[in-house]
Amino acid sequence: MTLSRLLCGRGHYLCIRLKMHHMDFHRYLLVFEDILHASPPSAPYDNAAYLDYAKLNWSRMSRWLKKGVLSEVVVETVRRINAPQHWLVITEPWCGDAAHTLPFIQLIAQQNTHISVEYELRDSPPFRIEKYLTNGSKSIPKLIIRDGKGNDLATWGPRPAACQQLYDQLKVEGADFETQKVALQNWYNADKGQSLQQELCELIAEVVSH
């Protein structure tokens, strides 16, 4: 069963190219699938390395969506939200960090009907990442939590703090890309989404308290 059908139930659907903004999670997955199966691939996926990353990330997302476990604390906290919120997630299929975090963001958001979630690709219009740089870079994924009127309440990303610390240390040590990639992958596998959940729990609790 494909990831889209896993989330949205059984049934026939057409995998078509959709606008890459104003996407809910289902539409984001359809765009993701379209990228994986396009012939010939479009940039940057005409680069074999990018296409391989995307394929791996599809598998990682599928695994976390099926096996990821939310803590009771984060579920209780997100259910305290009693007014409309809009969560904007800026991402790309080639992003390894996104593959490990988006499933948990989506699963958390689904715990409360007050929350709507929208996905945008970083490198496609409206290029909203320009307003949410991390130390001057377009690092993703990026989560922006807004109220019902579109006012920003909080932001998160691109990585859990402990993972970011590991990445920064590897950069200082001059580790090559492959070493960095393996180290971060191992970190995410061991953490199982717990650090992200704790950080979002704290963020949500702060927003709710105001």
N, C-alpha and C. Protein backbone atom coordinates (compact mmCIF):
# COMPACT_ATOMS: atom_id res chain seq x y z
N MET A 1 0.85 -1.19 0.00
CA MET A 1 0.00 0.00 0.00
C MET A 1 0.88 1.24 0.00
N THR A 2 0.56 2.25 -0.82
CA THR A 2 1.36 3.45 -0.87
C THR A 2 1.13 4.31 0.35
N LEU A 3 2.03 5.26 0.56
CA LEU A 3 1.92 6.13 1.72
C LEU A 3 0.66 6.97 1.66
N SER A 4 0.28 7.44 0.48
CA SER A 4 -0.94 8.24 0.36
C SER A 4 -2.16 7.43 0.75
N ARG A 5 -2.23 6.18 0.31
CA ARG A 5 -3.38 5.35 0.65
C ARG A 5 -3.36 4.96 2.12
N LEU A 6 -2.17 4.82 2.68
CA LEU A 6 -2.07 4.52 4.10
C LEU A 6 -2.74 5.61 4.92
N LEU A 7 -2.53 6.87 4.53
CA LEU A 7 -3.07 7.98 5.29
C LEU A 7 -4.52 8.26 4.95
N CYS A 8 -4.88 8.14 3.70
CA CYS A 8 -6.17 8.63 3.25
C CYS A 8 -7.16 7.53 2.94
N GLY A 9 -6.80 6.29 3.24
CA GLY A 9 -7.73 5.20 3.04
C GLY A 9 -7.60 4.59 1.66
N ARG A 10 -8.21 3.45 1.50
CA ARG A 10 -8.18 2.78 0.22
C ARG A 10 -9.03 3.55 -0.79
N GLY A 11 -8.72 3.37 -2.05
CA GLY A 11 -9.50 4.04 -3.07
C GLY A 11 -8.63 4.46 -4.22
N HIS A 12 -9.25 4.65 -5.36
CA HIS A 12 -8.52 5.01 -6.56
C HIS A 12 -8.25 6.51 -6.58
N TYR A 13 -7.06 6.89 -6.97
CA TYR A 13 -6.78 8.30 -7.14
C TYR A 13 -5.77 8.45 -8.26
N LEU A 14 -5.78 9.61 -8.89
CA LEU A 14 -4.83 9.91 -9.94
C LEU A 14 -3.66 10.65 -9.36
N CYS A 15 -2.46 10.22 -9.73
CA CYS A 15 -1.25 10.92 -9.28
C CYS A 15 -0.93 11.98 -10.31
N ILE A 16 -1.30 13.22 -10.02
CA ILE A 16 -1.14 14.30 -10.98
C ILE A 16 -0.31 15.41 -10.36
N ARG A 17 0.23 16.23 -11.24
CA ARG A 17 0.99 17.40 -10.78
C ARG A 17 0.02 18.43 -10.21
N LEU A 18 0.24 18.81 -8.94
CA LEU A 18 -0.63 19.78 -8.29
C LEU A 18 0.16 21.04 -7.98
N LYS A 19 -0.54 22.11 -7.71
CA LYS A 19 0.14 23.34 -7.30
C LYS A 19 0.94 23.06 -6.03
N MET A 20 2.15 23.60 -5.98
CA MET A 20 3.03 23.28 -4.87
C MET A 20 2.93 24.29 -3.75
N HIS A 21 1.75 24.87 -3.58
CA HIS A 21 1.47 25.67 -2.39
C HIS A 21 0.00 25.45 -2.04
N HIS A 22 -0.36 25.84 -0.84
CA HIS A 22 -1.69 25.56 -0.31
C HIS A 22 -1.98 24.06 -0.34
N MET A 23 -1.00 23.25 0.06
CA MET A 23 -1.16 21.80 0.06
C MET A 23 -1.46 21.30 1.46
N ASP A 24 -2.47 20.43 1.58
CA ASP A 24 -2.59 19.68 2.82
C ASP A 24 -1.63 18.50 2.73
N PHE A 25 -1.61 17.63 3.74
CA PHE A 25 -0.61 16.57 3.75
C PHE A 25 -0.83 15.58 2.61
N HIS A 26 -2.08 15.28 2.33
CA HIS A 26 -2.38 14.35 1.25
C HIS A 26 -1.86 14.88 -0.09
N ARG A 27 -2.09 16.15 -0.35
CA ARG A 27 -1.61 16.73 -1.61
C ARG A 27 -0.09 16.79 -1.65
N TYR A 28 0.52 17.06 -0.51
CA TYR A 28 1.99 17.05 -0.46
C TYR A 28 2.51 15.66 -0.83
N LEU A 29 1.87 14.62 -0.33
CA LEU A 29 2.30 13.27 -0.64
C LEU A 29 2.12 12.95 -2.12
N LEU A 30 1.06 13.47 -2.73
CA LEU A 30 0.85 13.25 -4.16
C LEU A 30 1.94 13.92 -4.99
N VAL A 31 2.31 15.13 -4.59
CA VAL A 31 3.41 15.82 -5.26
C VAL A 31 4.71 15.04 -5.08
N PHE A 32 4.93 14.55 -3.86
CA PHE A 32 6.11 13.74 -3.54
C PHE A 32 6.15 12.52 -4.47
N GLU A 33 5.04 11.81 -4.58
CA GLU A 33 4.96 10.63 -5.45
C GLU A 33 5.22 11.00 -6.91
N ASP A 34 4.65 12.11 -7.32
CA ASP A 34 4.83 12.56 -8.70
C ASP A 34 6.30 12.79 -9.00
N ILE A 35 7.01 13.39 -8.05
CA ILE A 35 8.45 13.63 -8.21
C ILE A 35 9.20 12.31 -8.34
N LEU A 36 8.84 11.33 -7.54
CA LEU A 36 9.53 10.04 -7.55
C LEU A 36 9.34 9.30 -8.87
N HIS A 37 8.18 9.50 -9.52
CA HIS A 37 7.86 8.71 -10.69
C HIS A 37 7.92 9.49 -12.00
N ALA A 38 8.31 10.76 -11.94
CA ALA A 38 8.37 11.58 -13.15
C ALA A 38 9.41 11.03 -14.13
N SER A 39 9.08 11.07 -15.40
CA SER A 39 10.01 10.61 -16.44
C SER A 39 9.94 11.56 -17.63
N PRO A 40 11.01 12.33 -17.88
CA PRO A 40 12.25 12.36 -17.11
C PRO A 40 12.08 13.17 -15.83
N PRO A 41 12.95 12.97 -14.85
CA PRO A 41 12.84 13.73 -13.60
C PRO A 41 13.09 15.22 -13.84
N SER A 42 12.40 16.04 -13.06
CA SER A 42 12.62 17.48 -13.12
C SER A 42 13.69 17.87 -12.11
N ALA A 43 14.30 19.04 -12.33
CA ALA A 43 15.33 19.53 -11.41
C ALA A 43 14.73 19.76 -10.02
N PRO A 44 15.46 19.48 -8.94
CA PRO A 44 16.83 18.97 -8.91
C PRO A 44 16.93 17.44 -8.98
N TYR A 45 15.80 16.76 -9.23
CA TYR A 45 15.78 15.30 -9.15
C TYR A 45 16.33 14.64 -10.40
N ASP A 46 16.73 15.45 -11.40
CA ASP A 46 17.47 14.90 -12.52
C ASP A 46 18.91 14.59 -12.10
N ASN A 47 19.28 15.07 -10.90
CA ASN A 47 20.52 14.67 -10.25
C ASN A 47 20.23 13.40 -9.47
N ALA A 48 20.92 12.31 -9.81
CA ALA A 48 20.62 11.00 -9.21
C ALA A 48 20.69 11.03 -7.69
N ALA A 49 21.60 11.81 -7.13
CA ALA A 49 21.75 11.86 -5.67
C ALA A 49 20.48 12.42 -5.03
N TYR A 50 19.92 13.47 -5.60
CA TYR A 50 18.70 14.05 -5.06
C TYR A 50 17.54 13.07 -5.15
N LEU A 51 17.44 12.36 -6.25
CA LEU A 51 16.35 11.40 -6.42
C LEU A 51 16.50 10.26 -5.41
N ASP A 52 17.73 9.82 -5.18
CA ASP A 52 17.97 8.77 -4.19
C ASP A 52 17.58 9.24 -2.79
N TYR A 53 17.91 10.51 -2.45
CA TYR A 53 17.53 11.04 -1.15
C TYR A 53 16.02 11.03 -1.00
N ALA A 54 15.32 11.45 -2.05
CA ALA A 54 13.86 11.50 -2.00
C ALA A 54 13.27 10.11 -1.79
N LYS A 55 13.81 9.12 -2.47
CA LYS A 55 13.31 7.75 -2.32
C LYS A 55 13.53 7.24 -0.90
N LEU A 56 14.70 7.52 -0.35
CA LEU A 56 14.97 7.12 1.03
C LEU A 56 14.02 7.83 1.99
N ASN A 57 13.79 9.10 1.73
CA ASN A 57 12.94 9.89 2.62
C ASN A 57 11.49 9.43 2.57
N TRP A 58 11.05 8.96 1.42
CA TRP A 58 9.70 8.40 1.33
C TRP A 58 9.57 7.19 2.25
N SER A 59 10.58 6.34 2.24
CA SER A 59 10.57 5.16 3.10
C SER A 59 10.61 5.55 4.57
N ARG A 60 11.42 6.56 4.90
CA ARG A 60 11.52 7.00 6.29
C ARG A 60 10.19 7.58 6.78
N MET A 61 9.58 8.40 5.97
CA MET A 61 8.28 8.96 6.34
C MET A 61 7.24 7.86 6.55
N SER A 62 7.23 6.91 5.63
CA SER A 62 6.28 5.81 5.74
C SER A 62 6.47 5.05 7.05
N ARG A 63 7.73 4.81 7.41
CA ARG A 63 8.00 4.07 8.65
C ARG A 63 7.51 4.82 9.88
N TRP A 64 7.80 6.13 9.94
CA TRP A 64 7.39 6.89 11.13
C TRP A 64 5.88 7.06 11.20
N LEU A 65 5.24 7.21 10.05
CA LEU A 65 3.78 7.34 10.06
C LEU A 65 3.10 6.07 10.56
N LYS A 66 3.73 4.94 10.28
CA LYS A 66 3.16 3.67 10.72
C LYS A 66 3.58 3.30 12.14
N LYS A 67 4.82 3.66 12.52
CA LYS A 67 5.36 3.16 13.77
C LYS A 67 5.65 4.25 14.80
N GLY A 68 5.54 5.51 14.41
CA GLY A 68 5.82 6.59 15.34
C GLY A 68 4.79 6.62 16.46
N VAL A 69 5.24 6.86 17.67
CA VAL A 69 4.36 6.87 18.84
C VAL A 69 4.40 8.25 19.49
N LEU A 70 3.23 8.83 19.70
CA LEU A 70 3.14 10.12 20.38
C LEU A 70 3.07 9.91 21.89
N SER A 71 3.74 10.79 22.61
CA SER A 71 3.70 10.70 24.06
C SER A 71 2.35 11.21 24.57
N GLU A 72 1.97 10.72 25.73
CA GLU A 72 0.70 11.18 26.33
C GLU A 72 0.76 12.67 26.62
N VAL A 73 1.94 13.15 26.98
CA VAL A 73 2.08 14.57 27.33
C VAL A 73 1.81 15.46 26.12
N VAL A 74 2.39 15.12 24.95
CA VAL A 74 2.19 15.98 23.79
C VAL A 74 0.73 15.91 23.32
N VAL A 75 0.11 14.74 23.43
CA VAL A 75 -1.29 14.61 23.04
C VAL A 75 -2.17 15.47 23.95
N GLU A 76 -1.94 15.38 25.25
CA GLU A 76 -2.72 16.17 26.21
C GLU A 76 -2.52 17.67 25.97
N THR A 77 -1.28 18.05 25.68
CA THR A 77 -0.97 19.47 25.49
C THR A 77 -1.62 20.03 24.23
N VAL A 78 -1.51 19.31 23.12
CA VAL A 78 -2.07 19.82 21.86
C VAL A 78 -3.60 19.86 21.93
N ARG A 79 -4.19 18.99 22.71
CA ARG A 79 -5.65 18.99 22.83
C ARG A 79 -6.16 20.14 23.67
N ARG A 80 -5.28 20.86 24.33
CA ARG A 80 -5.67 22.05 25.09
C ARG A 80 -5.90 23.26 24.20
N ILE A 81 -5.45 23.18 22.96
CA ILE A 81 -5.67 24.30 22.03
C ILE A 81 -7.17 24.44 21.79
N ASN A 82 -7.72 25.61 22.08
CA ASN A 82 -9.17 25.79 21.98
C ASN A 82 -9.58 26.90 21.03
N ALA A 83 -8.67 27.29 20.16
CA ALA A 83 -8.96 28.31 19.14
C ALA A 83 -8.24 27.91 17.86
N PRO A 84 -8.74 28.35 16.70
CA PRO A 84 -8.13 27.94 15.44
C PRO A 84 -6.65 28.30 15.34
N GLN A 85 -5.87 27.36 14.85
CA GLN A 85 -4.46 27.59 14.54
C GLN A 85 -4.19 27.06 13.13
N HIS A 86 -3.27 27.73 12.45
CA HIS A 86 -2.84 27.29 11.12
C HIS A 86 -1.35 27.01 11.20
N TRP A 87 -0.96 25.78 10.90
CA TRP A 87 0.45 25.40 10.93
C TRP A 87 0.96 25.35 9.49
N LEU A 88 1.98 26.13 9.21
CA LEU A 88 2.62 26.13 7.90
C LEU A 88 3.94 25.38 8.00
N VAL A 89 4.13 24.39 7.14
CA VAL A 89 5.36 23.60 7.13
C VAL A 89 6.06 23.83 5.79
N ILE A 90 7.29 24.33 5.84
CA ILE A 90 8.09 24.55 4.64
C ILE A 90 9.11 23.42 4.55
N THR A 91 9.14 22.72 3.42
CA THR A 91 9.93 21.50 3.33
C THR A 91 10.34 21.22 1.89
N GLU A 92 10.98 20.09 1.66
CA GLU A 92 11.31 19.57 0.33
C GLU A 92 11.46 18.05 0.45
N PRO A 93 11.06 17.29 -0.57
CA PRO A 93 11.20 15.83 -0.51
C PRO A 93 12.64 15.34 -0.33
N TRP A 94 13.63 16.12 -0.77
CA TRP A 94 15.01 15.66 -0.65
C TRP A 94 15.58 15.85 0.76
N CYS A 95 14.85 16.53 1.64
CA CYS A 95 15.38 16.88 2.96
C CYS A 95 15.26 15.72 3.95
N GLY A 96 16.40 15.21 4.40
CA GLY A 96 16.42 14.10 5.35
C GLY A 96 15.83 14.46 6.69
N ASP A 97 16.12 15.67 7.19
CA ASP A 97 15.55 16.09 8.47
C ASP A 97 14.03 16.12 8.41
N ALA A 98 13.50 16.59 7.29
CA ALA A 98 12.05 16.66 7.14
C ALA A 98 11.42 15.28 7.18
N ALA A 99 12.07 14.30 6.57
CA ALA A 99 11.52 12.94 6.54
C ALA A 99 11.34 12.37 7.94
N HIS A 100 12.19 12.79 8.86
CA HIS A 100 12.12 12.28 10.23
C HIS A 100 11.22 13.11 11.13
N THR A 101 10.87 14.33 10.73
CA THR A 101 10.10 15.20 11.61
C THR A 101 8.68 15.48 11.12
N LEU A 102 8.47 15.59 9.80
CA LEU A 102 7.13 15.88 9.29
C LEU A 102 6.07 14.88 9.75
N PRO A 103 6.37 13.57 9.75
CA PRO A 103 5.33 12.63 10.21
C PRO A 103 4.85 12.93 11.62
N PHE A 104 5.77 13.29 12.52
CA PHE A 104 5.37 13.58 13.89
C PHE A 104 4.60 14.90 13.98
N ILE A 105 5.02 15.90 13.21
CA ILE A 105 4.27 17.16 13.19
C ILE A 105 2.84 16.91 12.73
N GLN A 106 2.68 16.12 11.67
CA GLN A 106 1.35 15.83 11.15
C GLN A 106 0.53 15.02 12.15
N LEU A 107 1.13 14.01 12.75
CA LEU A 107 0.41 13.19 13.72
C LEU A 107 -0.03 14.01 14.93
N ILE A 108 0.82 14.94 15.35
CA ILE A 108 0.47 15.80 16.49
C ILE A 108 -0.69 16.72 16.11
N ALA A 109 -0.60 17.34 14.94
CA ALA A 109 -1.65 18.26 14.50
C ALA A 109 -3.00 17.57 14.38
N GLN A 110 -2.99 16.30 14.00
CA GLN A 110 -4.23 15.56 13.82
C GLN A 110 -4.96 15.28 15.13
N GLN A 111 -4.32 15.59 16.26
CA GLN A 111 -4.96 15.36 17.55
C GLN A 111 -5.96 16.45 17.92
N ASN A 112 -6.01 17.52 17.12
CA ASN A 112 -6.90 18.62 17.48
C ASN A 112 -7.51 19.23 16.21
N THR A 113 -8.83 19.24 16.12
CA THR A 113 -9.50 19.74 14.92
C THR A 113 -9.39 21.25 14.77
N HIS A 114 -8.91 21.95 15.79
CA HIS A 114 -8.68 23.38 15.66
C HIS A 114 -7.47 23.68 14.77
N ILE A 115 -6.64 22.67 14.52
CA ILE A 115 -5.40 22.88 13.77
C ILE A 115 -5.57 22.48 12.31
N SER A 116 -5.23 23.39 11.41
CA SER A 116 -5.12 23.06 10.00
C SER A 116 -3.64 23.14 9.62
N VAL A 117 -3.20 22.28 8.72
CA VAL A 117 -1.79 22.23 8.36
C VAL A 117 -1.64 22.43 6.86
N GLU A 118 -0.72 23.28 6.48
CA GLU A 118 -0.43 23.56 5.08
C GLU A 118 1.04 23.31 4.81
N TYR A 119 1.34 22.71 3.67
CA TYR A 119 2.72 22.39 3.29
C TYR A 119 3.10 23.19 2.06
N GLU A 120 4.34 23.71 2.08
CA GLU A 120 4.89 24.41 0.93
C GLU A 120 6.30 23.90 0.65
N LEU A 121 6.67 23.90 -0.61
CA LEU A 121 8.03 23.55 -0.98
C LEU A 121 8.92 24.78 -0.88
N ARG A 122 10.07 24.61 -0.30
CA ARG A 122 10.97 25.73 -0.08
C ARG A 122 11.36 26.43 -1.37
N ASP A 123 11.62 25.63 -2.42
CA ASP A 123 12.19 26.17 -3.64
C ASP A 123 11.15 26.44 -4.73
N SER A 124 9.89 26.56 -4.34
CA SER A 124 8.82 26.91 -5.26
C SER A 124 8.05 28.11 -4.70
N PRO A 125 7.35 28.86 -5.57
CA PRO A 125 6.56 30.00 -5.07
C PRO A 125 5.62 29.54 -3.97
N PRO A 126 5.38 30.36 -2.94
CA PRO A 126 5.75 31.78 -2.84
C PRO A 126 7.08 32.05 -2.15
N PHE A 127 7.96 31.06 -2.03
CA PHE A 127 9.30 31.24 -1.46
C PHE A 127 9.24 31.89 -0.07
N ARG A 128 8.31 31.42 0.74
CA ARG A 128 8.09 32.03 2.05
C ARG A 128 9.25 31.80 3.01
N ILE A 129 10.13 30.85 2.70
CA ILE A 129 11.27 30.58 3.57
C ILE A 129 12.14 31.82 3.75
N GLU A 130 12.08 32.75 2.78
CA GLU A 130 12.89 33.97 2.87
C GLU A 130 12.57 34.76 4.13
N LYS A 131 11.36 34.59 4.65
CA LYS A 131 10.96 35.31 5.86
C LYS A 131 11.31 34.54 7.14
N TYR A 132 11.78 33.30 6.97
CA TYR A 132 12.01 32.46 8.14
C TYR A 132 13.38 31.79 8.06
N LEU A 133 14.40 32.59 7.83
CA LEU A 133 15.76 32.07 7.72
C LEU A 133 16.28 31.65 9.09
N THR A 134 17.19 30.70 9.07
CA THR A 134 17.86 30.24 10.30
C THR A 134 19.33 30.62 10.20
N ASN A 135 19.74 31.60 10.99
CA ASN A 135 21.11 32.11 10.92
C ASN A 135 21.49 32.47 9.48
N GLY A 136 20.54 33.06 8.78
CA GLY A 136 20.79 33.51 7.42
C GLY A 136 20.64 32.46 6.34
N SER A 137 20.32 31.21 6.72
CA SER A 137 20.20 30.13 5.74
C SER A 137 18.75 29.68 5.59
N LYS A 138 18.46 29.03 4.45
CA LYS A 138 17.11 28.55 4.16
C LYS A 138 16.90 27.13 4.69
N SER A 139 17.32 26.91 5.90
CA SER A 139 17.26 25.57 6.48
C SER A 139 15.83 25.10 6.65
N ILE A 140 15.61 23.83 6.33
CA ILE A 140 14.28 23.22 6.46
C ILE A 140 14.42 21.86 7.15
N PRO A 141 13.30 21.37 7.68
CA PRO A 141 11.95 21.92 7.64
C PRO A 141 11.77 23.08 8.60
N LYS A 142 10.76 23.87 8.34
CA LYS A 142 10.42 24.99 9.19
C LYS A 142 8.92 24.94 9.45
N LEU A 143 8.56 24.97 10.72
CA LEU A 143 7.16 25.01 11.13
C LEU A 143 6.84 26.39 11.67
N ILE A 144 5.79 27.01 11.12
CA ILE A 144 5.31 28.30 11.60
C ILE A 144 3.90 28.09 12.13
N ILE A 145 3.69 28.40 13.39
CA ILE A 145 2.37 28.28 14.03
C ILE A 145 1.71 29.65 14.04
N ARG A 146 0.51 29.73 13.46
CA ARG A 146 -0.21 30.99 13.37
C ARG A 146 -1.59 30.88 14.01
N ASP A 147 -2.11 32.02 14.40
CA ASP A 147 -3.48 32.01 14.92
C ASP A 147 -4.47 32.07 13.76
N GLY A 148 -5.74 32.10 14.07
CA GLY A 148 -6.76 32.07 13.04
C GLY A 148 -6.77 33.30 12.14
N LYS A 149 -6.11 34.37 12.57
CA LYS A 149 -6.04 35.59 11.77
C LYS A 149 -4.76 35.70 10.96
N GLY A 150 -3.91 34.66 11.07
CA GLY A 150 -2.67 34.66 10.29
C GLY A 150 -1.48 35.27 10.98
N ASN A 151 -1.61 35.58 12.27
CA ASN A 151 -0.49 36.15 13.03
C ASN A 151 0.44 35.03 13.51
N ASP A 152 1.72 35.21 13.36
CA ASP A 152 2.68 34.21 13.82
C ASP A 152 2.69 34.14 15.34
N LEU A 153 2.60 32.91 15.84
CA LEU A 153 2.64 32.67 17.28
C LEU A 153 3.97 32.07 17.71
N ALA A 154 4.55 31.21 16.86
CA ALA A 154 5.79 30.53 17.20
C ALA A 154 6.37 29.88 15.94
N THR A 155 7.65 29.59 15.98
CA THR A 155 8.30 28.86 14.89
C THR A 155 9.17 27.75 15.47
N TRP A 156 9.38 26.73 14.67
CA TRP A 156 10.26 25.62 15.06
C TRP A 156 11.02 25.16 13.83
N GLY A 157 12.25 24.70 14.05
CA GLY A 157 13.01 24.10 12.97
C GLY A 157 14.39 24.73 12.85
N PRO A 158 15.28 24.06 12.10
CA PRO A 158 15.01 22.88 11.26
C PRO A 158 15.22 21.52 11.93
N ARG A 159 15.81 21.52 13.13
CA ARG A 159 16.10 20.24 13.80
C ARG A 159 15.83 20.38 15.29
N PRO A 160 15.60 19.25 15.97
CA PRO A 160 15.60 19.28 17.43
C PRO A 160 16.95 19.79 17.93
N ALA A 161 16.94 20.45 19.07
CA ALA A 161 18.15 21.10 19.58
C ALA A 161 19.34 20.14 19.70
N ALA A 162 19.11 18.94 20.22
CA ALA A 162 20.21 17.99 20.40
C ALA A 162 20.78 17.54 19.06
N CYS A 163 19.91 17.39 18.08
CA CYS A 163 20.36 17.01 16.75
C CYS A 163 21.15 18.15 16.11
N GLN A 164 20.68 19.37 16.31
CA GLN A 164 21.39 20.54 15.79
C GLN A 164 22.77 20.66 16.43
N GLN A 165 22.84 20.36 17.72
CA GLN A 165 24.13 20.40 18.41
C GLN A 165 25.09 19.39 17.81
N LEU A 166 24.59 18.19 17.52
CA LEU A 166 25.42 17.16 16.89
C LEU A 166 25.89 17.63 15.52
N TYR A 167 24.99 18.20 14.73
CA TYR A 167 25.35 18.68 13.40
C TYR A 167 26.43 19.77 13.48
N ASP A 168 26.24 20.71 14.40
CA ASP A 168 27.22 21.79 14.56
C ASP A 168 28.58 21.25 14.95
N GLN A 169 28.60 20.23 15.83
CA GLN A 169 29.86 19.64 16.26
C GLN A 169 30.56 18.95 15.09
N LEU A 170 29.80 18.25 14.27
CA LEU A 170 30.37 17.57 13.11
C LEU A 170 30.96 18.57 12.14
N LYS A 171 30.30 19.70 11.98
CA LYS A 171 30.82 20.76 11.10
C LYS A 171 32.14 21.30 11.62
N VAL A 172 32.20 21.51 12.93
CA VAL A 172 33.44 22.01 13.55
C VAL A 172 34.57 21.02 13.34
N GLU A 173 34.24 19.74 13.43
CA GLU A 173 35.26 18.69 13.26
C GLU A 173 35.65 18.46 11.81
N GLY A 174 34.95 19.11 10.91
CA GLY A 174 35.26 18.96 9.49
C GLY A 174 34.79 17.65 8.89
N ALA A 175 33.76 17.05 9.47
CA ALA A 175 33.24 15.78 8.96
C ALA A 175 32.68 15.97 7.55
N ASP A 176 32.91 14.98 6.69
CA ASP A 176 32.39 15.08 5.33
C ASP A 176 30.88 14.83 5.32
N PHE A 177 30.26 15.08 4.17
CA PHE A 177 28.80 14.99 4.07
C PHE A 177 28.29 13.60 4.42
N GLU A 178 28.96 12.57 3.96
CA GLU A 178 28.50 11.21 4.22
C GLU A 178 28.52 10.90 5.71
N THR A 179 29.57 11.33 6.40
CA THR A 179 29.68 11.12 7.84
C THR A 179 28.55 11.86 8.57
N GLN A 180 28.31 13.10 8.16
CA GLN A 180 27.23 13.88 8.76
C GLN A 180 25.89 13.18 8.56
N LYS A 181 25.64 12.74 7.34
CA LYS A 181 24.36 12.12 6.99
C LYS A 181 24.10 10.87 7.84
N VAL A 182 25.10 10.03 7.97
CA VAL A 182 24.95 8.79 8.74
C VAL A 182 24.74 9.10 10.22
N ALA A 183 25.50 10.06 10.74
CA ALA A 183 25.39 10.40 12.16
C ALA A 183 24.00 10.95 12.50
N LEU A 184 23.47 11.81 11.64
CA LEU A 184 22.15 12.38 11.90
C LEU A 184 21.06 11.32 11.75
N GLN A 185 21.23 10.46 10.74
CA GLN A 185 20.27 9.36 10.56
C GLN A 185 20.21 8.47 11.81
N ASN A 186 21.38 8.13 12.33
CA ASN A 186 21.44 7.30 13.54
C ASN A 186 20.80 8.01 14.73
N TRP A 187 21.00 9.33 14.79
CA TRP A 187 20.42 10.10 15.90
C TRP A 187 18.90 10.03 15.83
N TYR A 188 18.35 10.29 14.67
CA TYR A 188 16.89 10.27 14.51
C TYR A 188 16.32 8.88 14.80
N ASN A 189 16.99 7.85 14.35
CA ASN A 189 16.50 6.48 14.59
C ASN A 189 16.47 6.16 16.07
N ALA A 190 17.48 6.63 16.80
CA ALA A 190 17.54 6.36 18.23
C ALA A 190 16.54 7.22 19.02
N ASP A 191 16.33 8.45 18.57
CA ASP A 191 15.46 9.38 19.29
C ASP A 191 13.98 9.05 19.12
N LYS A 192 13.60 8.53 17.96
CA LYS A 192 12.21 8.12 17.69
C LYS A 192 11.19 9.25 17.85
N GLY A 193 11.61 10.46 17.52
CA GLY A 193 10.68 11.58 17.55
C GLY A 193 10.43 12.18 18.92
N GLN A 194 11.12 11.69 19.94
CA GLN A 194 10.83 12.16 21.30
C GLN A 194 11.28 13.59 21.53
N SER A 195 12.45 13.96 21.00
CA SER A 195 12.94 15.33 21.21
C SER A 195 12.05 16.35 20.52
N LEU A 196 11.64 16.05 19.31
CA LEU A 196 10.72 16.93 18.59
C LEU A 196 9.43 17.10 19.38
N GLN A 197 8.88 16.00 19.88
CA GLN A 197 7.63 16.08 20.62
C GLN A 197 7.77 16.94 21.87
N GLN A 198 8.88 16.79 22.57
CA GLN A 198 9.10 17.57 23.78
C GLN A 198 9.19 19.06 23.44
N GLU A 199 9.91 19.38 22.35
CA GLU A 199 10.07 20.79 21.98
C GLU A 199 8.75 21.39 21.52
N LEU A 200 7.98 20.64 20.74
CA LEU A 200 6.68 21.15 20.30
C LEU A 200 5.71 21.26 21.47
N CYS A 201 5.82 20.34 22.40
CA CYS A 201 4.98 20.39 23.60
C CYS A 201 5.23 21.69 24.36
N GLU A 202 6.47 22.04 24.54
CA GLU A 202 6.82 23.27 25.24
C GLU A 202 6.36 24.49 24.47
N LEU A 203 6.50 24.44 23.14
CA LEU A 203 6.10 25.55 22.29
C LEU A 203 4.59 25.75 22.35
N ILE A 204 3.86 24.66 22.23
CA ILE A 204 2.39 24.72 22.27
C ILE A 204 1.89 25.21 23.63
N ALA A 205 2.50 24.69 24.68
CA ALA A 205 2.09 25.08 26.02
C ALA A 205 2.29 26.59 26.23
N GLU A 206 3.39 27.11 25.71
CA GLU A 206 3.65 28.54 25.84
C GLU A 206 2.62 29.35 25.06
N VAL A 207 2.28 28.88 23.85
CA VAL A 207 1.29 29.59 23.03
C VAL A 207 -0.07 29.58 23.72
N VAL A 208 -0.46 28.41 24.22
CA VAL A 208 -1.76 28.27 24.87
C VAL A 208 -1.86 29.15 26.11
N SER A 209 -0.76 29.27 26.84
CA SER A 209 -0.77 30.04 28.08
C SER A 209 -0.97 31.53 27.84
N HIS A 210 -0.69 31.97 26.61
CA HIS A 210 -0.87 33.38 26.30
C HIS A 210 -2.25 33.63 25.70
